[in-house]
Amino acid sequence: GAASKNGSPPDRKPSAGATPPEKSGVQKAKDAIEKEREKARLKKVEKDKALVDKAQAKVEIQEKRREDDLERLDLALAAPVASATPGASEQTEAKVAAIASAPEPPPVSPPTRPPAEARPGRARAAKVGSREALDEALVRKLFDFLDRSGKAAVSQRDVLMGLKKYPQVRRLFGLPVGSVEDGGASVESRLLPIQDAFESGSGLGEVSGVFSELREGSGAVGQTFSWEAFLAVCQRGALRANAAAAIALLPREHLTGSAFVPTAKWQVVPEGAACPGGLEYKMDMETGKTMGRTPAGKV
């Protein structure tokens, strides 16, 4: 109980039964975090060990299977050839003798090919080759859609304007006619690249090939094609099928045939006849023909 030399009270040591000071909240939180980290580390170690054990077991199984396969192969190679079924050689000799004594089969004559005109492919080709030429007047209607200047010379700009304006021209160059048919929703998306190519001076995009064919038919002079080249390509070239489909889209007044003169009675409308507006139509179910008349009150 004596004071120290410098006058300070003597240090007191805690007694053996004294309670340690209580930890602060921050220290408790740190201890809890350390415990969780230790648990996570131990868990990861156990998981890694399980994966290693599993991989090792898999390798051992594969090695065991490989050894078994090699052992079976060695046993098969070591087996004597004479261990085959008894009497096998006699059976084989009997089969050989039967084959040797069998009569020779009759010679097979090569199949005869039908004449060229009887072959389906040739018949189709002949039919296509003998198709009637398209009506020149109707082909001229298509050309007029393109020939804006009336000089019988169509340029790239004329084709672009025709594609934008006329469904017949779009059909002629293989584009969708409108949004109501399959693929029609992409008409604008297909016309825009064509316009971009024209404005950049690189041609007409996807229809450049057709334009080049038409231009070459005109003698490849300049950047236009003529009526003669257009007619030839539509009649015998790559555009024939498209031209026929485009002609089918021409308005009725552009088709050949006399005008239909309606009355108050039902009459058969001739094929290709031009009809005035405001008529009533029906189909004769027996003949399949179209009937037309003037509505009552308009006679």
Protein backbone atom coordinates (compact mmCIF):
# COMPACT_ATOMS: atom_id res chain seq x y z
CA GLY A 1 0.00 0.00 0.00
CA ALA A 2 3.07 2.20 -0.03
CA ALA A 3 3.25 4.96 -2.62
CA SER A 4 5.85 4.81 -5.37
CA LYS A 5 8.97 6.91 -5.26
CA ASN A 6 7.63 9.52 -7.72
CA GLY A 7 4.49 9.94 -5.67
CA SER A 8 2.09 8.11 -8.06
CA PRO A 9 -0.22 5.48 -6.65
CA PRO A 10 1.02 1.91 -7.02
CA ASP A 11 -0.23 -0.27 -9.94
CA ARG A 12 -2.98 -2.61 -8.94
CA LYS A 13 -3.28 -6.01 -10.63
CA PRO A 14 -6.76 -7.44 -11.09
CA SER A 15 -7.52 -10.28 -8.80
CA ALA A 16 -7.96 -13.78 -10.15
CA GLY A 17 -11.74 -13.72 -9.73
CA ALA A 18 -12.28 -10.32 -11.30
CA THR A 19 -14.61 -10.02 -14.41
CA PRO A 20 -12.80 -8.89 -17.64
CA PRO A 21 -13.94 -5.58 -19.08
CA GLU A 22 -16.92 -5.88 -21.47
CA LYS A 23 -16.12 -5.49 -25.21
CA SER A 24 -17.45 -2.54 -27.07
CA GLY A 25 -20.07 -2.87 -29.87
CA VAL A 26 -17.49 -2.25 -32.58
CA GLN A 27 -15.22 -5.00 -31.26
CA LYS A 28 -18.14 -7.43 -31.09
CA ALA A 29 -19.00 -6.68 -34.71
CA LYS A 30 -15.41 -7.27 -35.80
CA ASP A 31 -15.29 -10.59 -33.93
CA ALA A 32 -18.55 -11.70 -35.58
CA ILE A 33 -17.21 -10.81 -39.04
CA GLU A 34 -14.01 -12.76 -38.38
CA LYS A 35 -16.02 -15.81 -37.30
CA GLU A 36 -18.14 -15.68 -40.47
CA ARG A 37 -15.04 -15.34 -42.63
CA GLU A 38 -13.48 -18.37 -40.92
CA LYS A 39 -16.65 -20.40 -41.47
CA ALA A 40 -16.71 -19.43 -45.16
CA ARG A 41 -13.05 -20.33 -45.56
CA LEU A 42 -13.53 -23.74 -43.95
CA LYS A 43 -16.59 -24.38 -46.09
CA LYS A 44 -14.69 -23.49 -49.27
CA VAL A 45 -11.82 -25.78 -48.28
CA GLU A 46 -14.25 -28.65 -47.75
CA LYS A 47 -15.95 -27.98 -51.09
CA ASP A 48 -12.64 -27.88 -52.97
CA LYS A 49 -11.57 -31.11 -51.30
CA ALA A 50 -14.85 -32.78 -52.33
CA LEU A 51 -14.34 -31.68 -55.94
CA VAL A 52 -10.81 -33.02 -55.97
CA ASP A 53 -11.94 -36.35 -54.51
CA LYS A 54 -14.72 -36.62 -57.09
CA ALA A 55 -12.35 -35.92 -59.98
CA GLN A 56 -9.86 -38.44 -58.64
CA ALA A 57 -12.56 -41.09 -58.33
CA LYS A 58 -13.64 -40.43 -61.92
CA VAL A 59 -10.09 -40.84 -63.16
CA GLU A 60 -9.74 -44.09 -61.26
CA ILE A 61 -12.98 -45.44 -62.77
CA GLN A 62 -11.79 -44.59 -66.28
CA GLU A 63 -8.43 -46.27 -65.65
CA LYS A 64 -10.21 -49.39 -64.36
CA ARG A 65 -12.41 -49.55 -67.45
CA ARG A 66 -9.43 -49.12 -69.72
CA GLU A 67 -7.58 -51.92 -67.99
CA ASP A 68 -10.62 -54.20 -68.28
CA ASP A 69 -10.92 -53.46 -72.00
CA LEU A 70 -7.25 -54.22 -72.57
CA GLU A 71 -7.57 -57.47 -70.64
CA ARG A 72 -10.56 -58.58 -72.72
CA LEU A 73 -8.70 -57.67 -75.91
CA ASP A 74 -5.70 -59.72 -74.88
CA LEU A 75 -7.93 -62.70 -74.12
CA ALA A 76 -9.65 -62.40 -77.50
CA LEU A 77 -6.33 -62.25 -79.36
CA ALA A 78 -4.96 -65.20 -77.44
CA ALA A 79 -7.97 -67.44 -78.23
CA PRO A 80 -7.11 -70.08 -80.90
CA VAL A 81 -8.72 -69.76 -84.29
CA ALA A 82 -9.74 -73.40 -84.18
CA SER A 83 -12.24 -72.62 -81.40
CA ALA A 84 -14.86 -71.75 -83.99
CA THR A 85 -18.11 -73.66 -84.24
CA PRO A 86 -17.48 -77.32 -85.12
CA GLY A 87 -18.25 -78.08 -88.72
CA ALA A 88 -17.91 -74.48 -89.80
CA SER A 89 -15.36 -75.33 -92.48
CA GLU A 90 -17.61 -78.04 -93.93
CA GLN A 91 -20.54 -75.60 -94.04
CA THR A 92 -18.40 -72.98 -95.78
CA GLU A 93 -17.22 -75.47 -98.41
CA ALA A 94 -20.82 -76.53 -99.04
CA LYS A 95 -21.89 -72.92 -99.59
CA VAL A 96 -19.01 -72.33 -102.03
CA ALA A 97 -19.92 -75.44 -103.99
CA ALA A 98 -23.59 -74.40 -104.17
CA ILE A 99 -22.65 -70.99 -105.47
CA ALA A 100 -20.32 -72.46 -108.08
CA SER A 101 -22.95 -74.89 -109.35
CA ALA A 102 -25.77 -72.33 -109.52
CA PRO A 103 -26.86 -71.36 -113.05
CA GLU A 104 -25.75 -67.99 -114.31
CA PRO A 105 -28.46 -65.31 -114.19
CA PRO A 106 -29.79 -64.10 -117.54
CA PRO A 107 -28.07 -60.98 -118.85
CA VAL A 108 -29.78 -57.76 -117.91
CA SER A 109 -30.31 -55.41 -120.77
CA PRO A 110 -29.67 -51.72 -120.05
CA PRO A 111 -32.84 -49.67 -119.52
CA THR A 112 -34.10 -47.99 -122.62
CA ARG A 113 -34.41 -44.24 -122.40
CA PRO A 114 -37.63 -42.68 -123.71
CA PRO A 115 -37.30 -40.40 -126.70
CA ALA A 116 -36.41 -36.81 -125.99
CA GLU A 117 -39.91 -35.60 -126.73
CA ALA A 118 -41.35 -38.07 -124.17
CA ARG A 119 -39.15 -36.97 -121.29
CA PRO A 120 -40.94 -34.68 -118.80
CA GLY A 121 -38.04 -32.28 -118.50
CA ARG A 122 -37.65 -31.98 -122.26
CA ALA A 123 -41.39 -31.59 -122.63
CA ARG A 124 -41.41 -28.76 -120.14
CA ALA A 125 -38.44 -27.15 -121.86
CA ALA A 126 -40.16 -27.44 -125.22
CA LYS A 127 -43.32 -25.98 -123.75
CA VAL A 128 -41.41 -23.05 -122.28
CA GLY A 129 -39.57 -22.52 -125.54
CA SER A 130 -42.83 -22.56 -127.49
CA ARG A 131 -44.59 -20.01 -125.29
CA GLU A 132 -46.29 -17.30 -127.17
CA ALA A 133 -44.59 -13.92 -127.16
CA LEU A 134 -46.00 -11.25 -124.90
CA ASP A 135 -48.25 -8.68 -126.49
CA GLU A 136 -45.95 -5.94 -127.71
CA ALA A 137 -48.58 -3.29 -127.00
CA LEU A 138 -48.79 -4.35 -123.37
CA VAL A 139 -45.01 -4.46 -123.03
CA ARG A 140 -45.01 -0.93 -124.43
CA LYS A 141 -47.36 0.09 -121.61
CA LEU A 142 -44.73 -1.07 -119.11
CA PHE A 143 -42.01 0.79 -120.99
CA ASP A 144 -44.11 3.97 -120.92
CA PHE A 145 -44.19 3.81 -117.12
CA LEU A 146 -40.38 4.15 -117.24
CA ASP A 147 -39.96 6.49 -120.22
CA ARG A 148 -40.89 9.75 -118.47
CA SER A 149 -39.33 11.98 -121.09
CA GLY A 150 -40.95 10.18 -124.05
CA LYS A 151 -37.59 9.87 -125.85
CA ALA A 152 -37.54 6.05 -125.80
CA ALA A 153 -34.46 6.13 -123.54
CA VAL A 154 -34.75 5.15 -119.87
CA SER A 155 -32.11 6.23 -117.34
CA GLN A 156 -31.38 5.08 -113.80
CA ARG A 157 -33.37 8.01 -112.41
CA ASP A 158 -36.37 6.98 -114.55
CA VAL A 159 -36.20 3.44 -113.12
CA LEU A 160 -35.99 4.76 -109.56
CA MET A 161 -39.00 7.01 -110.06
CA GLY A 162 -40.94 4.16 -111.66
CA LEU A 163 -40.16 1.86 -108.74
CA LYS A 164 -41.49 4.44 -106.31
CA LYS A 165 -44.63 5.28 -108.27
CA TYR A 166 -45.91 2.21 -110.13
CA PRO A 167 -46.61 -1.28 -108.70
CA GLN A 168 -46.22 -2.73 -112.21
CA VAL A 169 -42.62 -1.49 -112.33
CA ARG A 170 -41.90 -2.96 -108.89
CA ARG A 171 -43.26 -6.31 -110.07
CA LEU A 172 -41.19 -6.04 -113.26
CA PHE A 173 -37.96 -5.62 -111.27
CA GLY A 174 -38.85 -8.32 -108.72
CA LEU A 175 -39.88 -6.10 -105.79
CA PRO A 176 -43.05 -6.50 -103.71
CA VAL A 177 -45.99 -4.62 -105.16
CA GLY A 178 -47.43 -3.37 -101.88
CA SER A 179 -47.80 -4.04 -98.18
CA VAL A 180 -50.79 -6.36 -98.70
CA GLU A 181 -48.76 -9.20 -100.20
CA ASP A 182 -46.08 -11.42 -98.72
CA GLY A 183 -42.96 -9.38 -98.18
CA GLY A 184 -44.83 -6.16 -98.87
CA ALA A 185 -44.02 -4.77 -95.45
CA SER A 186 -40.39 -4.47 -96.58
CA VAL A 187 -41.09 -2.39 -99.72
CA GLU A 188 -39.72 0.80 -98.20
CA SER A 189 -36.75 -1.02 -96.67
CA ARG A 190 -35.84 -2.32 -100.14
CA LEU A 191 -36.43 0.95 -101.98
CA LEU A 192 -34.26 3.01 -99.62
CA PRO A 193 -31.01 1.11 -100.38
CA ILE A 194 -31.74 1.46 -104.10
CA GLN A 195 -32.15 5.22 -103.70
CA ASP A 196 -28.99 5.44 -101.54
CA ALA A 197 -27.01 3.56 -104.19
CA PHE A 198 -28.30 5.89 -106.91
CA GLU A 199 -27.49 9.03 -104.92
CA SER A 200 -24.00 7.76 -104.14
CA GLY A 201 -23.38 7.04 -107.82
CA SER A 202 -22.91 3.29 -107.37
CA GLY A 203 -25.89 2.13 -109.44
CA LEU A 204 -29.33 0.94 -108.43
CA GLY A 205 -28.57 -1.53 -105.66
CA GLU A 206 -30.32 -4.90 -106.07
CA VAL A 207 -31.79 -4.01 -109.49
CA SER A 208 -28.44 -2.93 -110.96
CA GLY A 209 -28.02 -6.30 -112.67
CA VAL A 210 -31.32 -5.99 -114.56
CA PHE A 211 -30.54 -2.41 -115.56
CA SER A 212 -27.10 -3.47 -116.84
CA GLU A 213 -28.65 -6.24 -118.93
CA LEU A 214 -31.09 -3.77 -120.48
CA ARG A 215 -28.32 -1.22 -121.08
CA GLU A 216 -26.07 -3.83 -122.73
CA GLY A 217 -28.96 -4.78 -125.00
CA SER A 218 -28.92 -1.20 -126.21
CA GLY A 219 -25.27 -1.43 -127.20
CA ALA A 220 -23.92 -0.22 -123.82
CA VAL A 221 -23.88 3.35 -125.08
CA GLY A 222 -24.41 5.81 -122.23
CA GLN A 223 -26.41 5.09 -119.10
CA THR A 224 -29.82 4.43 -120.70
CA PHE A 225 -31.60 1.55 -122.41
CA SER A 226 -33.85 1.71 -125.44
CA TRP A 227 -37.31 0.39 -126.25
CA GLU A 228 -35.88 -2.31 -128.52
CA ALA A 229 -33.63 -3.67 -125.78
CA PHE A 230 -36.49 -3.57 -123.27
CA LEU A 231 -38.79 -5.47 -125.62
CA ALA A 232 -36.15 -8.12 -126.36
CA VAL A 233 -35.36 -8.76 -122.69
CA CYS A 234 -39.05 -8.92 -121.77
CA GLN A 235 -39.82 -11.31 -124.61
CA ARG A 236 -36.87 -13.70 -124.36
CA GLY A 237 -34.64 -12.57 -121.50
CA ALA A 238 -34.61 -12.81 -117.72
CA LEU A 239 -37.51 -10.38 -117.36
CA ARG A 240 -40.06 -12.46 -119.26
CA ALA A 241 -41.76 -13.99 -116.20
CA ASN A 242 -41.72 -10.70 -114.32
CA ALA A 243 -43.03 -8.87 -117.37
CA ALA A 244 -45.97 -11.27 -117.66
CA ALA A 245 -46.76 -10.76 -113.97
CA ALA A 246 -46.49 -6.97 -114.38
CA ILE A 247 -48.83 -7.01 -117.38
CA ALA A 248 -51.39 -8.82 -115.23
CA LEU A 249 -51.38 -5.76 -112.93
CA LEU A 250 -52.19 -3.30 -115.70
CA PRO A 251 -55.52 -1.51 -115.24
CA ARG A 252 -58.41 -2.96 -117.18
CA GLU A 253 -58.51 -0.02 -119.56
CA HIS A 254 -54.95 -0.85 -120.64
CA LEU A 255 -55.92 -4.34 -121.76
CA THR A 256 -56.99 -5.24 -125.26
CA GLY A 257 -60.62 -5.90 -126.08
CA SER A 258 -63.75 -3.95 -126.87
CA ALA A 259 -65.60 -1.89 -124.29
CA PHE A 260 -68.40 -3.58 -122.37
CA VAL A 261 -71.76 -1.86 -122.90
CA PRO A 262 -73.92 -2.65 -119.86
CA THR A 263 -77.71 -2.75 -119.66
CA ALA A 264 -80.23 -3.36 -116.90
CA LYS A 265 -80.04 -7.11 -117.63
CA TRP A 266 -77.19 -9.40 -116.63
CA GLN A 267 -74.73 -9.96 -119.48
CA VAL A 268 -71.47 -11.88 -119.83
CA VAL A 269 -68.48 -9.55 -119.55
CA PRO A 270 -66.02 -10.48 -122.32
CA GLU A 271 -62.49 -11.35 -121.25
CA GLY A 272 -60.28 -8.25 -121.33
CA ALA A 273 -63.15 -5.87 -122.01
CA ALA A 274 -62.99 -2.35 -120.57
CA CYS A 275 -65.88 -1.76 -118.16
CA PRO A 276 -67.30 1.58 -117.01
CA GLY A 277 -67.47 2.30 -113.33
CA GLY A 278 -70.42 1.75 -111.02
CA LEU A 279 -71.56 -1.64 -112.39
CA GLU A 280 -72.83 -4.65 -110.50
CA TYR A 281 -71.01 -7.97 -111.02
CA LYS A 282 -71.69 -11.60 -110.23
CA MET A 283 -70.30 -14.96 -111.29
CA ASP A 284 -72.35 -17.57 -113.15
CA MET A 285 -71.71 -20.69 -111.05
CA GLU A 286 -72.48 -23.01 -113.99
CA THR A 287 -70.20 -21.43 -116.57
CA GLY A 288 -67.74 -19.63 -114.28
CA LYS A 289 -68.08 -16.44 -116.32
CA THR A 290 -68.43 -12.91 -114.96
CA MET A 291 -71.78 -11.19 -115.43
CA GLY A 292 -72.35 -7.46 -115.29
CA ARG A 293 -75.22 -5.01 -115.42
CA THR A 294 -76.14 -1.41 -114.64
CA PRO A 295 -77.62 -1.03 -111.14
CA ALA A 296 -81.33 -0.38 -110.91
CA GLY A 297 -82.14 3.32 -110.96
CA LYS A 298 -79.10 4.21 -113.09
CA VAL A 299 -80.45 3.01 -116.43
